[in-house]
Amino acid sequence: MMKNADYGLVVCQFIGRFVFVANMRIEDGFCVLKNVKNVRYWKERENGLGDLAAKGPISGDKIDSWPNQLVPVDKLGPFMPASPEYWP
C-alpha cells in the first residue's frame, strides 16, 4: 500500500481508463482528488500523457470540471506531476 503523502497537481490514470488532472493526496488507502478535471479525450502528442501534464491542454482536447473524488488507491495507475502554469 502507498504511504500517506501529498503529491500536489498531477495527471493520474485509474483502472477503468479515467484520466484526471487534480491535486492528489494519498490518505488511509484512498486517493483524495481535489480541483478535478476529467480528461475525456486528448489529441495525440509526441510524448502522450507526459506532454499533456507538462504542456497542458491544446485545441481539440475535451476536458471537464468534476467534483472532488475519493478513489481506492488500488485503482490508481500511472501518475505524473502536472505543470500548474498550464492547468489553472
N, C-alpha and C. Protein backbone atom coordinates (compact mmCIF):
# COMPACT_ATOMS: atom_id res chain seq x y z
N MET A 1 0.84 -1.18 0.00
CA MET A 1 0.00 0.00 0.00
C MET A 1 0.89 1.25 0.00
N MET A 2 0.47 2.26 -0.72
CA MET A 2 1.23 3.51 -0.77
C MET A 2 1.07 4.24 0.56
N LYS A 3 2.13 4.91 0.98
CA LYS A 3 2.09 5.67 2.22
C LYS A 3 1.29 6.96 2.02
N ASN A 4 0.75 7.47 3.11
CA ASN A 4 0.06 8.75 3.06
C ASN A 4 1.04 9.81 2.60
N ALA A 5 0.64 10.59 1.59
CA ALA A 5 1.51 11.64 1.06
C ALA A 5 0.69 12.61 0.23
N ASP A 6 1.20 13.83 0.09
CA ASP A 6 0.58 14.83 -0.77
C ASP A 6 1.43 14.93 -2.04
N TYR A 7 0.83 14.67 -3.19
CA TYR A 7 1.56 14.66 -4.45
C TYR A 7 1.36 15.94 -5.25
N GLY A 8 0.51 16.84 -4.78
CA GLY A 8 0.27 18.10 -5.49
C GLY A 8 -0.51 17.86 -6.78
N LEU A 9 -0.31 18.74 -7.75
CA LEU A 9 -1.04 18.67 -9.00
C LEU A 9 -0.44 17.59 -9.90
N VAL A 10 -1.29 16.65 -10.30
CA VAL A 10 -0.84 15.51 -11.11
C VAL A 10 -1.84 15.22 -12.22
N VAL A 11 -1.35 14.52 -13.25
CA VAL A 11 -2.21 13.81 -14.19
C VAL A 11 -2.16 12.37 -13.74
N CYS A 12 -3.34 11.78 -13.50
CA CYS A 12 -3.37 10.42 -12.98
C CYS A 12 -4.38 9.60 -13.77
N GLN A 13 -4.03 8.34 -13.95
CA GLN A 13 -4.89 7.41 -14.67
C GLN A 13 -5.34 6.33 -13.70
N PHE A 14 -6.61 5.97 -13.80
CA PHE A 14 -7.17 4.95 -12.92
C PHE A 14 -7.67 3.78 -13.74
N ILE A 15 -7.69 2.61 -13.12
CA ILE A 15 -8.27 1.43 -13.76
C ILE A 15 -9.70 1.78 -14.14
N GLY A 16 -10.08 1.45 -15.33
CA GLY A 16 -11.36 1.86 -15.87
C GLY A 16 -11.17 3.00 -16.86
N ARG A 17 -9.90 3.38 -17.05
CA ARG A 17 -9.49 4.35 -18.06
C ARG A 17 -9.83 5.80 -17.76
N PHE A 18 -10.20 6.12 -16.53
CA PHE A 18 -10.40 7.52 -16.19
C PHE A 18 -9.05 8.21 -16.09
N VAL A 19 -8.96 9.40 -16.68
CA VAL A 19 -7.75 10.22 -16.57
C VAL A 19 -8.18 11.55 -15.97
N PHE A 20 -7.55 11.92 -14.87
CA PHE A 20 -7.87 13.17 -14.18
C PHE A 20 -6.63 14.04 -14.06
N VAL A 21 -6.87 15.34 -14.01
CA VAL A 21 -5.85 16.29 -13.56
C VAL A 21 -6.41 16.84 -12.26
N ALA A 22 -5.64 16.71 -11.18
CA ALA A 22 -6.16 17.09 -9.87
C ALA A 22 -5.02 17.25 -8.88
N ASN A 23 -5.34 17.87 -7.77
CA ASN A 23 -4.44 17.85 -6.62
C ASN A 23 -4.71 16.54 -5.90
N MET A 24 -3.67 15.70 -5.79
CA MET A 24 -3.85 14.35 -5.26
C MET A 24 -3.10 14.16 -3.95
N ARG A 25 -3.81 13.55 -3.03
CA ARG A 25 -3.23 13.17 -1.74
C ARG A 25 -3.62 11.71 -1.50
N ILE A 26 -2.69 10.91 -1.00
CA ILE A 26 -2.99 9.54 -0.59
C ILE A 26 -3.22 9.59 0.92
N GLU A 27 -4.37 9.06 1.31
CA GLU A 27 -4.73 9.11 2.72
C GLU A 27 -5.50 7.84 3.10
N ASP A 28 -4.91 7.05 3.97
CA ASP A 28 -5.57 5.85 4.51
C ASP A 28 -6.14 4.94 3.43
N GLY A 29 -5.36 4.69 2.38
CA GLY A 29 -5.76 3.75 1.35
C GLY A 29 -6.62 4.33 0.25
N PHE A 30 -6.78 5.66 0.24
CA PHE A 30 -7.59 6.32 -0.78
C PHE A 30 -6.81 7.44 -1.46
N CYS A 31 -7.11 7.67 -2.72
CA CYS A 31 -6.63 8.85 -3.44
C CYS A 31 -7.69 9.93 -3.25
N VAL A 32 -7.31 11.00 -2.62
CA VAL A 32 -8.20 12.13 -2.41
C VAL A 32 -7.87 13.14 -3.50
N LEU A 33 -8.81 13.37 -4.42
CA LEU A 33 -8.59 14.26 -5.55
C LEU A 33 -9.42 15.52 -5.38
N LYS A 34 -8.77 16.67 -5.47
CA LYS A 34 -9.46 17.96 -5.35
C LYS A 34 -9.16 18.81 -6.58
N ASN A 35 -10.07 19.74 -6.88
CA ASN A 35 -9.95 20.60 -8.08
C ASN A 35 -9.78 19.72 -9.32
N VAL A 36 -10.71 18.82 -9.52
CA VAL A 36 -10.60 17.75 -10.51
C VAL A 36 -11.04 18.20 -11.90
N LYS A 37 -10.25 17.81 -12.87
CA LYS A 37 -10.61 17.94 -14.28
C LYS A 37 -10.57 16.54 -14.88
N ASN A 38 -11.65 16.14 -15.55
CA ASN A 38 -11.72 14.84 -16.20
C ASN A 38 -11.28 15.01 -17.65
N VAL A 39 -10.27 14.27 -18.06
CA VAL A 39 -9.78 14.34 -19.44
C VAL A 39 -10.51 13.24 -20.22
N ARG A 40 -11.55 13.65 -20.95
CA ARG A 40 -12.33 12.68 -21.73
C ARG A 40 -11.62 12.29 -23.01
N TYR A 41 -10.89 13.24 -23.59
CA TYR A 41 -10.19 12.99 -24.85
C TYR A 41 -9.03 13.96 -24.93
N TRP A 42 -7.88 13.45 -25.35
CA TRP A 42 -6.75 14.33 -25.63
C TRP A 42 -6.19 13.96 -26.99
N LYS A 43 -5.87 14.99 -27.75
CA LYS A 43 -5.31 14.77 -29.08
C LYS A 43 -3.94 14.13 -28.95
N GLU A 44 -3.56 13.41 -29.97
CA GLU A 44 -2.27 12.73 -29.97
C GLU A 44 -1.13 13.74 -29.81
N ARG A 45 -0.18 13.36 -28.99
CA ARG A 45 1.01 14.18 -28.75
C ARG A 45 2.24 13.29 -28.86
N GLU A 46 3.36 13.91 -29.11
CA GLU A 46 4.60 13.15 -29.27
C GLU A 46 4.90 12.30 -28.03
N ASN A 47 4.70 12.87 -26.84
CA ASN A 47 5.01 12.15 -25.60
C ASN A 47 3.76 11.82 -24.79
N GLY A 48 2.62 11.66 -25.46
CA GLY A 48 1.40 11.20 -24.82
C GLY A 48 0.99 12.01 -23.60
N LEU A 49 0.64 11.29 -22.53
CA LEU A 49 0.18 11.96 -21.31
C LEU A 49 1.26 12.83 -20.69
N GLY A 50 2.52 12.48 -20.93
CA GLY A 50 3.61 13.32 -20.41
C GLY A 50 3.53 14.74 -20.94
N ASP A 51 3.24 14.89 -22.23
CA ASP A 51 3.08 16.23 -22.81
C ASP A 51 1.82 16.91 -22.29
N LEU A 52 0.75 16.15 -22.10
CA LEU A 52 -0.46 16.72 -21.54
C LEU A 52 -0.16 17.29 -20.15
N ALA A 53 0.56 16.55 -19.33
CA ALA A 53 0.90 17.00 -17.99
C ALA A 53 1.81 18.22 -18.02
N ALA A 54 2.82 18.19 -18.87
CA ALA A 54 3.83 19.24 -18.89
C ALA A 54 3.39 20.50 -19.62
N LYS A 55 2.56 20.34 -20.68
CA LYS A 55 2.25 21.49 -21.55
C LYS A 55 0.78 21.90 -21.52
N GLY A 56 -0.06 21.15 -20.79
CA GLY A 56 -1.46 21.49 -20.67
C GLY A 56 -2.27 21.14 -21.89
N PRO A 57 -3.55 21.50 -21.86
CA PRO A 57 -4.46 21.14 -22.95
C PRO A 57 -4.16 21.93 -24.22
N ILE A 58 -4.56 21.34 -25.36
CA ILE A 58 -4.46 22.01 -26.66
C ILE A 58 -5.83 21.94 -27.33
N SER A 59 -5.98 22.67 -28.41
CA SER A 59 -7.24 22.68 -29.14
C SER A 59 -7.62 21.26 -29.54
N GLY A 60 -8.86 20.90 -29.28
CA GLY A 60 -9.34 19.57 -29.60
C GLY A 60 -9.44 18.65 -28.41
N ASP A 61 -8.74 18.96 -27.31
CA ASP A 61 -8.87 18.18 -26.09
C ASP A 61 -10.25 18.42 -25.50
N LYS A 62 -10.80 17.40 -24.84
CA LYS A 62 -12.10 17.52 -24.19
C LYS A 62 -11.91 17.29 -22.70
N ILE A 63 -12.02 18.37 -21.94
CA ILE A 63 -11.72 18.35 -20.51
C ILE A 63 -12.87 19.03 -19.77
N ASP A 64 -13.36 18.36 -18.72
CA ASP A 64 -14.48 18.88 -17.95
C ASP A 64 -14.10 19.00 -16.48
N SER A 65 -14.68 19.99 -15.81
CA SER A 65 -14.53 20.08 -14.35
C SER A 65 -15.40 19.00 -13.73
N TRP A 66 -14.89 18.38 -12.69
CA TRP A 66 -15.61 17.33 -11.96
C TRP A 66 -15.59 17.65 -10.48
N PRO A 67 -16.50 17.04 -9.71
CA PRO A 67 -16.44 17.22 -8.25
C PRO A 67 -15.23 16.48 -7.69
N ASN A 68 -14.90 16.80 -6.46
CA ASN A 68 -13.81 16.09 -5.79
C ASN A 68 -14.10 14.59 -5.79
N GLN A 69 -13.04 13.79 -5.80
CA GLN A 69 -13.18 12.34 -5.90
C GLN A 69 -12.41 11.66 -4.76
N LEU A 70 -12.93 10.51 -4.35
CA LEU A 70 -12.28 9.65 -3.37
C LEU A 70 -12.24 8.26 -4.01
N VAL A 71 -11.03 7.80 -4.38
CA VAL A 71 -10.88 6.56 -5.14
C VAL A 71 -9.92 5.64 -4.39
N PRO A 72 -10.26 4.35 -4.26
CA PRO A 72 -9.32 3.43 -3.60
C PRO A 72 -7.95 3.45 -4.31
N VAL A 73 -6.90 3.46 -3.53
CA VAL A 73 -5.55 3.56 -4.08
C VAL A 73 -5.20 2.37 -4.97
N ASP A 74 -5.84 1.22 -4.75
CA ASP A 74 -5.53 0.07 -5.60
C ASP A 74 -6.09 0.22 -7.02
N LYS A 75 -6.86 1.25 -7.27
CA LYS A 75 -7.36 1.55 -8.63
C LYS A 75 -6.46 2.55 -9.35
N LEU A 76 -5.45 3.08 -8.65
CA LEU A 76 -4.54 4.07 -9.22
C LEU A 76 -3.54 3.42 -10.16
N GLY A 77 -3.44 3.95 -11.38
CA GLY A 77 -2.44 3.53 -12.33
C GLY A 77 -1.30 4.54 -12.33
N PRO A 78 -0.72 4.79 -13.49
CA PRO A 78 0.39 5.75 -13.55
C PRO A 78 -0.09 7.16 -13.26
N PHE A 79 0.81 7.94 -12.65
CA PHE A 79 0.55 9.36 -12.45
C PHE A 79 1.86 10.12 -12.56
N MET A 80 1.74 11.41 -12.91
CA MET A 80 2.94 12.24 -13.09
C MET A 80 2.61 13.67 -12.72
N PRO A 81 3.61 14.44 -12.30
CA PRO A 81 3.36 15.84 -11.96
C PRO A 81 2.83 16.61 -13.16
N ALA A 82 1.93 17.54 -12.91
CA ALA A 82 1.41 18.42 -13.95
C ALA A 82 1.94 19.84 -13.70
N SER A 83 2.13 20.60 -14.76
CA SER A 83 2.65 21.97 -14.65
C SER A 83 1.52 22.92 -14.28
N PRO A 84 1.56 23.49 -13.08
CA PRO A 84 0.47 24.36 -12.61
C PRO A 84 0.21 25.56 -13.53
N GLU A 85 1.23 26.06 -14.22
CA GLU A 85 1.03 27.24 -15.07
C GLU A 85 0.14 26.93 -16.28
N TYR A 86 0.04 25.65 -16.65
CA TYR A 86 -0.80 25.25 -17.80
C TYR A 86 -2.14 24.67 -17.35
N TRP A 87 -2.33 24.50 -16.05
CA TRP A 87 -3.56 23.93 -15.52
C TRP A 87 -4.13 24.86 -14.45
N PRO A 88 -4.78 25.94 -14.89
CA PRO A 88 -5.30 26.91 -13.90
C PRO A 88 -6.41 26.32 -13.04
